[in-house]
Amino acid sequence: MSLDNRRDSQKSLISRRTFMRRSAVGAMGLALVDGVLTESALLARPAPARISATSKVVLVRDSRVIDSSGSIQQPLLQDMLDRALTTFTGKSTVGDAWKEFVKPEDMIGLKLNAQSVPQLRGSELTAHFPALTSAVLSGFGSAGILEENVVLWDRNDEEVASMGFSLRKDAGALRAMGTQAGRRGGGPGFSSESFPVGSRSSKVSRIASEMCTASINMPGLKTHSTTGITGALKNHYGSIDNPSQYHRNSGANPGVAEVAAIPAIRDKERLIICDGLLACTTGVPAGRDSSYGHTD
């Protein structure tokens, strides 16, 4: 479906501006939204020892980041992310800003969110995923972090590929992979240890628990039929082996918060960047008739 048709389909559902405002309430952070589009926000969560009682959010706006043809303006997107980071940290350079969260010796996982994306594979509606990731990797370079120390990941290989990434699993270069090679297994898999989540328990992706020493949480901006919104907390349903166990009882009791509090997840999470360049407003979690569009 074309971008214009996607836009039109959403007008009858909910005001995009209203969606953004409602979504911000109770969410850990929103980031990098097109300005035709409206707003961008970035929330950073420092390492556990530095957690404060009050979260900090930085807003960045630019109406030109996605042009009238739907193309991402990469230099502008880079500037938006760089400004958000330097404003948040108070550092004068992008490299120094990134060093507040990650170090060259870290193995860094970028936790993506590909749920409801596979049906868009190959379309212009997925271009913003690699664009934002490219901006993050450029910032890493300014901090002396090599791409070989970065893993782009989500639940399975198919979903990661559907976002526009080339699958790469060998050490010594940027890697992009799923916890599982397919829906039935393979790949790094899950931890042998189970972690308590309310009255249940879950295993964590070995990419998060064993491969990586630091994590950047990069959720998309989406509605959800039971939780209302998919954001930074719920993105970690893609980090565990049994997310279906936590979609009942409104999907949040105890799932959303307690999954994100699993030590193997919580203790490594350094920064949250929500990709709000395009929003998914219908069809989640089933994903069969999802609608995507600008967030103005």
C-alpha atoms as a PDB file:
ATOM      1  CA  MET A   1       0.000   0.000   0.000  1.00  0.00           C
ATOM      2  CA  SER A   2       1.334   3.473  -0.819  1.00  0.00           C
ATOM      3  CA  LEU A   3       2.404   5.910   1.857  1.00  0.00           C
ATOM      4  CA  ASP A   4      -0.389   8.312   0.889  1.00  0.00           C
ATOM      5  CA  ASN A   5      -2.979   5.557   1.181  1.00  0.00           C
ATOM      6  CA  ARG A   6      -1.583   4.581   4.542  1.00  0.00           C
ATOM      7  CA  ARG A   7      -1.968   8.183   5.696  1.00  0.00           C
ATOM      8  CA  ASP A   8      -5.568   8.389   4.504  1.00  0.00           C
ATOM      9  CA  SER A   9      -6.530   5.128   6.189  1.00  0.00           C
ATOM     10  CA  GLN A  10      -5.596   6.455   9.587  1.00  0.00           C
ATOM     11  CA  LYS A  11      -7.653   9.649   9.598  1.00  0.00           C
ATOM     12  CA  SER A  12     -10.811   7.769  10.489  1.00  0.00           C
ATOM     13  CA  LEU A  13      -9.139   5.905  13.348  1.00  0.00           C
ATOM     14  CA  ILE A  14      -7.461   8.432  15.587  1.00  0.00           C
ATOM     15  CA  SER A  15      -5.799  11.819  15.254  1.00  0.00           C
ATOM     16  CA  ARG A  16      -2.103  11.173  14.837  1.00  0.00           C
ATOM     17  CA  ARG A  17      -1.281  14.145  17.039  1.00  0.00           C
ATOM     18  CA  THR A  18      -3.651  12.789  19.690  1.00  0.00           C
ATOM     19  CA  PHE A  19      -2.005   9.378  19.368  1.00  0.00           C
ATOM     20  CA  MET A  20       1.413  10.893  20.017  1.00  0.00           C
ATOM     21  CA  ARG A  21       0.215  12.844  23.044  1.00  0.00           C
ATOM     22  CA  ARG A  22      -1.580   9.875  24.585  1.00  0.00           C
ATOM     23  CA  SER A  23       1.364   7.607  23.883  1.00  0.00           C
ATOM     24  CA  ALA A  24       3.760   9.865  25.755  1.00  0.00           C
ATOM     25  CA  VAL A  25       1.864   9.399  28.997  1.00  0.00           C
ATOM     26  CA  GLY A  26       3.446   6.605  30.987  1.00  0.00           C
ATOM     27  CA  ALA A  27       5.925   5.667  28.286  1.00  0.00           C
ATOM     28  CA  MET A  28       9.611   5.515  29.141  1.00  0.00           C
ATOM     29  CA  GLY A  29      10.535   7.613  26.146  1.00  0.00           C
ATOM     30  CA  LEU A  30       9.767   8.582  22.582  1.00  0.00           C
ATOM     31  CA  ALA A  31      12.329   9.406  19.963  1.00  0.00           C
ATOM     32  CA  LEU A  32      12.970  10.793  16.529  1.00  0.00           C
ATOM     33  CA  VAL A  33       9.617  11.542  14.996  1.00  0.00           C
ATOM     34  CA  ASP A  34       9.261  13.195  11.619  1.00  0.00           C
ATOM     35  CA  GLY A  35       8.274  16.799  11.927  1.00  0.00           C
ATOM     36  CA  VAL A  36       5.655  16.846   9.141  1.00  0.00           C
ATOM     37  CA  LEU A  37       5.464  14.666  11.380  1.00  0.00           C
ATOM     38  CA  THR A  38       5.775  16.618  14.587  1.00  0.00           C
ATOM     39  CA  GLU A  39       7.926  15.581  17.448  1.00  0.00           C
ATOM     40  CA  SER A  40      11.019  13.714  18.414  1.00  0.00           C
ATOM     41  CA  ALA A  41      12.059  12.683  21.836  1.00  0.00           C
ATOM     42  CA  LEU A  42      14.874  10.708  23.225  1.00  0.00           C
ATOM     43  CA  LEU A  43      15.080   9.248  26.685  1.00  0.00           C
ATOM     44  CA  ALA A  44      18.310   7.846  27.997  1.00  0.00           C
ATOM     45  CA  ARG A  45      18.498   5.435  30.859  1.00  0.00           C
ATOM     46  CA  PRO A  46      21.979   5.445  32.402  1.00  0.00           C
ATOM     47  CA  ALA A  47      23.612   2.390  33.911  1.00  0.00           C
ATOM     48  CA  PRO A  48      21.819   1.198  37.081  1.00  0.00           C
ATOM     49  CA  ALA A  49      24.150   2.965  39.517  1.00  0.00           C
ATOM     50  CA  ARG A  50      23.224   6.319  37.979  1.00  0.00           C
ATOM     51  CA  ILE A  51      19.434   5.975  37.834  1.00  0.00           C
ATOM     52  CA  SER A  52      17.598   9.074  39.069  1.00  0.00           C
ATOM     53  CA  ALA A  53      14.011   9.382  40.231  1.00  0.00           C
ATOM     54  CA  THR A  54      13.097  11.687  37.347  1.00  0.00           C
ATOM     55  CA  SER A  55      13.350  10.713  33.701  1.00  0.00           C
ATOM     56  CA  LYS A  56      14.700  13.185  31.202  1.00  0.00           C
ATOM     57  CA  VAL A  57      13.309  13.643  27.700  1.00  0.00           C
ATOM     58  CA  VAL A  58      14.756  15.706  24.844  1.00  0.00           C
ATOM     59  CA  LEU A  59      12.474  16.900  22.032  1.00  0.00           C
ATOM     60  CA  VAL A  60      13.766  17.487  18.488  1.00  0.00           C
ATOM     61  CA  ARG A  61      11.559  18.717  15.655  1.00  0.00           C
ATOM     62  CA  ASP A  62      12.132  18.986  11.917  1.00  0.00           C
ATOM     63  CA  SER A  63       9.436  18.816   9.252  1.00  0.00           C
ATOM     64  CA  ARG A  64      11.884  17.867   6.498  1.00  0.00           C
ATOM     65  CA  VAL A  65      13.244  14.538   7.735  1.00  0.00           C
ATOM     66  CA  ILE A  66      10.846  12.585   5.503  1.00  0.00           C
ATOM     67  CA  ASP A  67      10.223  14.376   2.219  1.00  0.00           C
ATOM     68  CA  SER A  68       7.039  14.475   0.157  1.00  0.00           C
ATOM     69  CA  SER A  69       8.025  11.297  -1.707  1.00  0.00           C
ATOM     70  CA  GLY A  70       8.491   9.396   1.550  1.00  0.00           C
ATOM     71  CA  SER A  71      12.307   9.369   1.393  1.00  0.00           C
ATOM     72  CA  ILE A  72      14.364   9.671   4.565  1.00  0.00           C
ATOM     73  CA  GLN A  73      16.723  12.636   4.587  1.00  0.00           C
ATOM     74  CA  GLN A  74      19.708  10.908   6.178  1.00  0.00           C
ATOM     75  CA  PRO A  75      21.887  13.976   6.996  1.00  0.00           C
ATOM     76  CA  LEU A  76      18.922  15.602   8.681  1.00  0.00           C
ATOM     77  CA  LEU A  77      18.076  12.448  10.639  1.00  0.00           C
ATOM     78  CA  GLN A  78      21.703  12.243  11.740  1.00  0.00           C
ATOM     79  CA  ASP A  79      21.563  15.833  12.944  1.00  0.00           C
ATOM     80  CA  MET A  80      18.357  15.168  14.886  1.00  0.00           C
ATOM     81  CA  LEU A  81      19.871  12.220  16.724  1.00  0.00           C
ATOM     82  CA  ASP A  82      23.160  14.009  17.362  1.00  0.00           C
ATOM     83  CA  ARG A  83      21.401  17.084  18.750  1.00  0.00           C
ATOM     84  CA  ALA A  84      19.235  14.924  21.001  1.00  0.00           C
ATOM     85  CA  LEU A  85      22.281  13.185  22.452  1.00  0.00           C
ATOM     86  CA  THR A  86      24.407  16.269  23.016  1.00  0.00           C
ATOM     87  CA  THR A  87      21.459  18.145  24.514  1.00  0.00           C
ATOM     88  CA  PHE A  88      20.643  15.272  26.835  1.00  0.00           C
ATOM     89  CA  THR A  89      24.193  14.768  28.072  1.00  0.00           C
ATOM     90  CA  GLY A  90      25.420  18.356  27.965  1.00  0.00           C
ATOM     91  CA  LYS A  91      28.477  17.206  26.036  1.00  0.00           C
ATOM     92  CA  SER A  92      29.884  19.327  23.220  1.00  0.00           C
ATOM     93  CA  THR A  93      30.622  16.445  20.841  1.00  0.00           C
ATOM     94  CA  VAL A  94      28.628  13.463  19.669  1.00  0.00           C
ATOM     95  CA  GLY A  95      31.462  11.084  20.528  1.00  0.00           C
ATOM     96  CA  ASP A  96      31.616  12.274  24.118  1.00  0.00           C
ATOM     97  CA  ALA A  97      27.828  12.052  24.378  1.00  0.00           C
ATOM     98  CA  TRP A  98      27.808   8.403  23.300  1.00  0.00           C
ATOM     99  CA  LYS A  99      30.595   7.589  25.744  1.00  0.00           C
ATOM    100  CA  GLU A 100      28.179   8.450  28.544  1.00  0.00           C
ATOM    101  CA  PHE A 101      26.326   5.244  27.702  1.00  0.00           C
ATOM    102  CA  VAL A 102      28.617   2.847  25.852  1.00  0.00           C
ATOM    103  CA  LYS A 103      32.359   2.248  25.614  1.00  0.00           C
ATOM    104  CA  PRO A 104      34.616   0.941  22.823  1.00  0.00           C
ATOM    105  CA  GLU A 105      35.170  -2.272  24.785  1.00  0.00           C
ATOM    106  CA  ASP A 106      31.414  -3.012  25.035  1.00  0.00           C
ATOM    107  CA  MET A 107      29.592  -5.509  22.857  1.00  0.00           C
ATOM    108  CA  ILE A 108      26.459  -3.512  22.125  1.00  0.00           C
ATOM    109  CA  GLY A 109      23.076  -4.942  21.202  1.00  0.00           C
ATOM    110  CA  LEU A 110      20.581  -2.760  19.349  1.00  0.00           C
ATOM    111  CA  LYS A 111      17.221  -4.334  20.262  1.00  0.00           C
ATOM    112  CA  LEU A 112      14.916  -3.706  17.311  1.00  0.00           C
ATOM    113  CA  ASN A 113      11.169  -4.233  17.033  1.00  0.00           C
ATOM    114  CA  ALA A 114      10.080  -6.007  13.868  1.00  0.00           C
ATOM    115  CA  GLN A 115       6.649  -7.194  15.004  1.00  0.00           C
ATOM    116  CA  SER A 116       4.057  -6.458  12.267  1.00  0.00           C
ATOM    117  CA  VAL A 117       6.829  -5.542   9.802  1.00  0.00           C
ATOM    118  CA  PRO A 118       7.300  -8.729   7.677  1.00  0.00           C
ATOM    119  CA  GLN A 119       4.314  -7.927   5.428  1.00  0.00           C
ATOM    120  CA  LEU A 120       6.040  -4.627   4.507  1.00  0.00           C
ATOM    121  CA  ARG A 121       9.303  -6.256   3.455  1.00  0.00           C
ATOM    122  CA  GLY A 122      10.845  -4.493   0.476  1.00  0.00           C
ATOM    123  CA  SER A 123       8.543  -1.460   0.637  1.00  0.00           C
ATOM    124  CA  GLU A 124       9.453   2.177   1.276  1.00  0.00           C
ATOM    125  CA  LEU A 125       7.760   1.885   4.659  1.00  0.00           C
ATOM    126  CA  THR A 126      10.746   0.000   6.075  1.00  0.00           C
ATOM    127  CA  ALA A 127      13.446   2.473   4.962  1.00  0.00           C
ATOM    128  CA  HIS A 128      13.433   4.347   8.257  1.00  0.00           C
ATOM    129  CA  PHE A 129      14.680   1.331  10.229  1.00  0.00           C
ATOM    130  CA  PRO A 130      18.121   1.085   8.547  1.00  0.00           C
ATOM    131  CA  ALA A 131      18.272   4.895   8.344  1.00  0.00           C
ATOM    132  CA  LEU A 132      18.002   5.367  12.098  1.00  0.00           C
ATOM    133  CA  THR A 133      20.348   2.462  12.776  1.00  0.00           C
ATOM    134  CA  SER A 134      22.877   3.990  10.388  1.00  0.00           C
ATOM    135  CA  ALA A 135      22.705   7.246  12.353  1.00  0.00           C
ATOM    136  CA  VAL A 136      23.375   5.340  15.582  1.00  0.00           C
ATOM    137  CA  LEU A 137      26.340   3.513  14.036  1.00  0.00           C
ATOM    138  CA  SER A 138      27.776   6.801  12.794  1.00  0.00           C
ATOM    139  CA  GLY A 139      27.590   8.137  16.331  1.00  0.00           C
ATOM    140  CA  PHE A 140      29.319   5.013  17.609  1.00  0.00           C
ATOM    141  CA  GLY A 141      32.142   5.692  15.177  1.00  0.00           C
ATOM    142  CA  SER A 142      32.594   9.150  16.708  1.00  0.00           C
ATOM    143  CA  ALA A 143      33.018   7.420  20.079  1.00  0.00           C
ATOM    144  CA  GLY A 144      35.612   4.961  18.783  1.00  0.00           C
ATOM    145  CA  ILE A 145      33.184   2.023  18.781  1.00  0.00           C
ATOM    146  CA  LEU A 146      33.750  -0.448  15.971  1.00  0.00           C
ATOM    147  CA  GLU A 147      30.823  -1.932  14.057  1.00  0.00           C
ATOM    148  CA  GLU A 148      32.190  -5.395  14.812  1.00  0.00           C
ATOM    149  CA  ASN A 149      31.180  -4.717  18.419  1.00  0.00           C
ATOM    150  CA  VAL A 150      27.519  -4.179  17.493  1.00  0.00           C
ATOM    151  CA  VAL A 151      24.680  -6.683  17.073  1.00  0.00           C
ATOM    152  CA  LEU A 152      21.319  -5.701  15.541  1.00  0.00           C
ATOM    153  CA  TRP A 153      18.729  -8.167  16.758  1.00  0.00           C
ATOM    154  CA  ASP A 154      15.153  -9.169  17.377  1.00  0.00           C
ATOM    155  CA  ARG A 155      13.121 -12.374  17.706  1.00  0.00           C
ATOM    156  CA  ASN A 156      14.066 -14.223  14.520  1.00  0.00           C
ATOM    157  CA  ASP A 157      16.017 -13.882  11.297  1.00  0.00           C
ATOM    158  CA  GLU A 158      12.954 -13.350   9.107  1.00  0.00           C
ATOM    159  CA  GLU A 159      11.798 -10.362  11.129  1.00  0.00           C
ATOM    160  CA  VAL A 160      15.239  -8.734  11.177  1.00  0.00           C
ATOM    161  CA  ALA A 161      15.551  -9.159   7.404  1.00  0.00           C
ATOM    162  CA  SER A 162      12.059  -7.717   6.895  1.00  0.00           C
ATOM    163  CA  MET A 163      13.249  -4.416   8.369  1.00  0.00           C
ATOM    164  CA  GLY A 164      15.749  -4.022   5.545  1.00  0.00           C
ATOM    165  CA  PHE A 165      18.861  -5.477   7.183  1.00  0.00           C
ATOM    166  CA  SER A 166      21.157  -8.050   5.602  1.00  0.00           C
ATOM    167  CA  LEU A 167      21.585 -11.011   7.927  1.00  0.00           C
ATOM    168  CA  ARG A 168      25.147 -11.350   9.211  1.00  0.00           C
ATOM    169  CA  LYS A 169      26.120 -13.737  11.992  1.00  0.00           C
ATOM    170  CA  ASP A 170      29.920 -14.039  11.855  1.00  0.00           C
ATOM    171  CA  ALA A 171      32.080 -12.224  14.394  1.00  0.00           C
ATOM    172  CA  GLY A 172      34.484  -9.569  13.127  1.00  0.00           C
ATOM    173  CA  ALA A 173      31.851  -7.363  11.453  1.00  0.00           C
ATOM    174  CA  LEU A 174      28.497  -5.755  12.176  1.00  0.00           C
ATOM    175  CA  ARG A 175      26.035  -8.536  12.931  1.00  0.00           C
ATOM    176  CA  ALA A 176      22.295  -8.661  12.297  1.00  0.00           C
ATOM    177  CA  MET A 177      20.364 -11.704  13.468  1.00  0.00           C
ATOM    178  CA  GLY A 178      17.448 -13.113  15.355  1.00  0.00           C
ATOM    179  CA  THR A 179      17.487 -14.961  18.643  1.00  0.00           C
ATOM    180  CA  GLN A 180      16.107 -17.820  16.573  1.00  0.00           C
ATOM    181  CA  ALA A 181      16.938 -18.567  12.955  1.00  0.00           C
ATOM    182  CA  GLY A 182      13.267 -19.353  12.334  1.00  0.00           C
ATOM    183  CA  ARG A 183      10.038 -19.564  14.244  1.00  0.00           C
ATOM    184  CA  ARG A 184      10.855 -23.128  15.281  1.00  0.00           C
ATOM    185  CA  GLY A 185      14.332 -22.584  16.623  1.00  0.00           C
ATOM    186  CA  GLY A 186      17.962 -22.456  15.613  1.00  0.00           C
ATOM    187  CA  GLY A 187      20.202 -19.453  16.177  1.00  0.00           C
ATOM    188  CA  PRO A 188      21.642 -18.374  19.537  1.00  0.00           C
ATOM    189  CA  GLY A 189      18.435 -19.325  21.342  1.00  0.00           C
ATOM    190  CA  PHE A 190      17.535 -18.570  24.939  1.00  0.00           C
ATOM    191  CA  SER A 191      19.290 -18.694  28.288  1.00  0.00           C
ATOM    192  CA  SER A 192      19.343 -21.908  30.284  1.00  0.00           C
ATOM    193  CA  GLU A 193      18.302 -19.899  33.341  1.00  0.00           C
ATOM    194  CA  SER A 194      14.673 -18.909  33.851  1.00  0.00           C
ATOM    195  CA  PHE A 195      13.818 -15.593  35.485  1.00  0.00           C
ATOM    196  CA  PRO A 196      10.691 -14.998  37.596  1.00  0.00           C
ATOM    197  CA  VAL A 197       8.031 -12.762  36.046  1.00  0.00           C
ATOM    198  CA  GLY A 198       5.101 -12.512  38.426  1.00  0.00           C
ATOM    199  CA  SER A 199       3.788 -16.043  38.941  1.00  0.00           C
ATOM    200  CA  ARG A 200       5.461 -17.222  35.738  1.00  0.00           C
ATOM    201  CA  SER A 201       9.031 -17.310  34.462  1.00  0.00           C
ATOM    202  CA  SER A 202      10.871 -16.594  31.222  1.00  0.00           C
ATOM    203  CA  LYS A 203      14.159 -17.302  29.530  1.00  0.00           C
ATOM    204  CA  VAL A 204      16.058 -14.433  27.919  1.00  0.00           C
ATOM    205  CA  SER A 205      17.647 -14.268  24.487  1.00  0.00           C
ATOM    206  CA  ARG A 206      21.278 -15.313  24.695  1.00  0.00           C
ATOM    207  CA  ILE A 207      22.097 -12.293  22.561  1.00  0.00           C
ATOM    208  CA  ALA A 208      21.051 -10.135  25.509  1.00  0.00           C
ATOM    209  CA  SER A 209      22.146 -12.362  28.375  1.00  0.00           C
ATOM    210  CA  GLU A 210      25.476 -13.679  27.037  1.00  0.00           C
ATOM    211  CA  MET A 211      26.661 -11.963  23.861  1.00  0.00           C
ATOM    212  CA  CYS A 212      26.145  -8.308  24.790  1.00  0.00           C
ATOM    213  CA  THR A 213      27.496  -6.204  27.641  1.00  0.00           C
ATOM    214  CA  ALA A 214      25.341  -3.154  26.838  1.00  0.00           C
ATOM    215  CA  SER A 215      21.981  -2.616  25.176  1.00  0.00           C
ATOM    216  CA  ILE A 216      20.288   0.186  23.252  1.00  0.00           C
ATOM    217  CA  ASN A 217      16.509  -0.293  23.228  1.00  0.00           C
ATOM    218  CA  MET A 218      15.053   0.823  19.863  1.00  0.00           C
ATOM    219  CA  PRO A 219      11.292   0.234  19.864  1.00  0.00           C
ATOM    220  CA  GLY A 220       8.969   1.369  17.129  1.00  0.00           C
ATOM    221  CA  LEU A 221       5.897   3.482  17.745  1.00  0.00           C
ATOM    222  CA  LYS A 222       2.809   1.275  17.578  1.00  0.00           C
ATOM    223  CA  THR A 223      -0.613   0.841  19.057  1.00  0.00           C
ATOM    224  CA  HIS A 224      -1.491  -2.489  20.643  1.00  0.00           C
ATOM    225  CA  SER A 225      -4.870  -4.119  21.083  1.00  0.00           C
ATOM    226  CA  THR A 226      -4.340  -4.995  24.756  1.00  0.00           C
ATOM    227  CA  THR A 227      -1.617  -2.727  26.154  1.00  0.00           C
ATOM    228  CA  GLY A 228      -2.589   0.399  24.206  1.00  0.00           C
ATOM    229  CA  ILE A 229       0.933   1.149  23.018  1.00  0.00           C
ATOM    230  CA  THR A 230       4.047  -0.825  22.212  1.00  0.00           C
ATOM    231  CA  GLY A 231       7.084   1.080  23.432  1.00  0.00           C
ATOM    232  CA  ALA A 232      10.339   0.604  25.285  1.00  0.00           C
ATOM    233  CA  LEU A 233       8.998  -1.709  27.988  1.00  0.00           C
ATOM    234  CA  LYS A 234       6.982  -3.984  25.739  1.00  0.00           C
ATOM    235  CA  ASN A 235       9.797  -4.190  23.190  1.00  0.00           C
ATOM    236  CA  HIS A 236      11.349  -6.727  25.558  1.00  0.00           C
ATOM    237  CA  TYR A 237       8.538  -9.171  24.848  1.00  0.00           C
ATOM    238  CA  GLY A 238      10.817  -9.834  21.891  1.00  0.00           C
ATOM    239  CA  SER A 239      13.674 -10.615  24.277  1.00  0.00           C
ATOM    240  CA  ILE A 240      12.038 -13.625  25.968  1.00  0.00           C
ATOM    241  CA  ASP A 241      10.943 -17.112  24.981  1.00  0.00           C
ATOM    242  CA  ASN A 242       7.268 -16.936  25.980  1.00  0.00           C
ATOM    243  CA  PRO A 243       5.734 -13.507  25.269  1.00  0.00           C
ATOM    244  CA  SER A 244       2.311 -15.043  24.641  1.00  0.00           C
ATOM    245  CA  GLN A 245       2.116 -15.784  28.369  1.00  0.00           C
ATOM    246  CA  TYR A 246       1.949 -12.049  29.075  1.00  0.00           C
ATOM    247  CA  HIS A 247      -0.683 -10.933  26.602  1.00  0.00           C
ATOM    248  CA  ARG A 248      -3.545 -11.861  28.895  1.00  0.00           C
ATOM    249  CA  ASN A 249      -4.992  -9.764  31.734  1.00  0.00           C
ATOM    250  CA  SER A 250      -4.545  -6.587  29.642  1.00  0.00           C
ATOM    251  CA  GLY A 251      -1.015  -7.665  28.743  1.00  0.00           C
ATOM    252  CA  ALA A 252       0.545  -5.709  31.559  1.00  0.00           C
ATOM    253  CA  ASN A 253      -0.167  -7.610  34.760  1.00  0.00           C
ATOM    254  CA  PRO A 254       2.578  -8.441  35.496  1.00  0.00           C
ATOM    255  CA  GLY A 255       4.243  -8.809  32.104  1.00  0.00           C
ATOM    256  CA  VAL A 256       5.371  -5.474  30.671  1.00  0.00           C
ATOM    257  CA  ALA A 257       7.116  -4.027  33.710  1.00  0.00           C
ATOM    258  CA  GLU A 258       8.481  -7.239  35.178  1.00  0.00           C
ATOM    259  CA  VAL A 259       9.882  -8.552  31.901  1.00  0.00           C
ATOM    260  CA  ALA A 260      11.784  -5.270  31.497  1.00  0.00           C
ATOM    261  CA  ALA A 261      13.038  -5.657  35.077  1.00  0.00           C
ATOM    262  CA  ILE A 262      14.676  -9.045  34.483  1.00  0.00           C
ATOM    263  CA  PRO A 263      18.292  -8.376  35.531  1.00  0.00           C
ATOM    264  CA  ALA A 264      19.763  -9.737  32.287  1.00  0.00           C
ATOM    265  CA  ILE A 265      17.721  -7.058  30.490  1.00  0.00           C
ATOM    266  CA  ARG A 266      17.549  -4.174  32.955  1.00  0.00           C
ATOM    267  CA  ASP A 267      21.173  -4.090  34.038  1.00  0.00           C
ATOM    268  CA  LYS A 268      22.519  -3.777  30.494  1.00  0.00           C
ATOM    269  CA  GLU A 269      20.088  -1.232  29.083  1.00  0.00           C
ATOM    270  CA  ARG A 270      21.809   2.130  28.640  1.00  0.00           C
ATOM    271  CA  LEU A 271      19.660   4.152  26.287  1.00  0.00           C
ATOM    272  CA  ILE A 272      16.208   4.125  24.704  1.00  0.00           C
ATOM    273  CA  ILE A 273      15.641   5.527  21.217  1.00  0.00           C
ATOM    274  CA  CYS A 274      12.104   5.094  19.939  1.00  0.00           C
ATOM    275  CA  ASP A 275      11.786   5.086  16.161  1.00  0.00           C
ATOM    276  CA  GLY A 276       8.719   7.250  15.669  1.00  0.00           C
ATOM    277  CA  LEU A 277       9.438   8.325  12.107  1.00  0.00           C
ATOM    278  CA  LEU A 278       6.438   6.260  11.049  1.00  0.00           C
ATOM    279  CA  ALA A 279       3.780   4.865  13.381  1.00  0.00           C
ATOM    280  CA  CYS A 280       1.739   1.684  13.153  1.00  0.00           C
ATOM    281  CA  THR A 281      -1.799   2.494  14.256  1.00  0.00           C
ATOM    282  CA  THR A 282      -3.776  -0.692  13.554  1.00  0.00           C
ATOM    283  CA  GLY A 283      -3.287  -4.421  13.173  1.00  0.00           C
ATOM    284  CA  VAL A 284      -1.071  -5.141  16.195  1.00  0.00           C
ATOM    285  CA  PRO A 285      -0.329  -7.750  17.439  1.00  0.00           C
ATOM    286  CA  ALA A 286      -1.764  -9.831  14.591  1.00  0.00           C
ATOM    287  CA  GLY A 287      -0.004  -7.716  11.997  1.00  0.00           C
ATOM    288  CA  ARG A 288      -2.058  -8.844   8.998  1.00  0.00           C
ATOM    289  CA  ASP A 289      -3.761  -5.545   8.201  1.00  0.00           C
ATOM    290  CA  SER A 290      -1.419  -3.065   9.813  1.00  0.00           C
ATOM    291  CA  SER A 291      -1.649   0.608   8.874  1.00  0.00           C
ATOM    292  CA  TYR A 292       1.432   2.800   8.842  1.00  0.00           C
ATOM    293  CA  GLY A 293       1.772   6.542   8.386  1.00  0.00           C
ATOM    294  CA  HIS A 294       3.261   9.819   9.453  1.00  0.00           C
ATOM    295  CA  THR A 295       2.710  10.904  13.036  1.00  0.00           C
ATOM    296  CA  ASP A 296       1.541  14.475  12.398  1.00  0.00           C
END
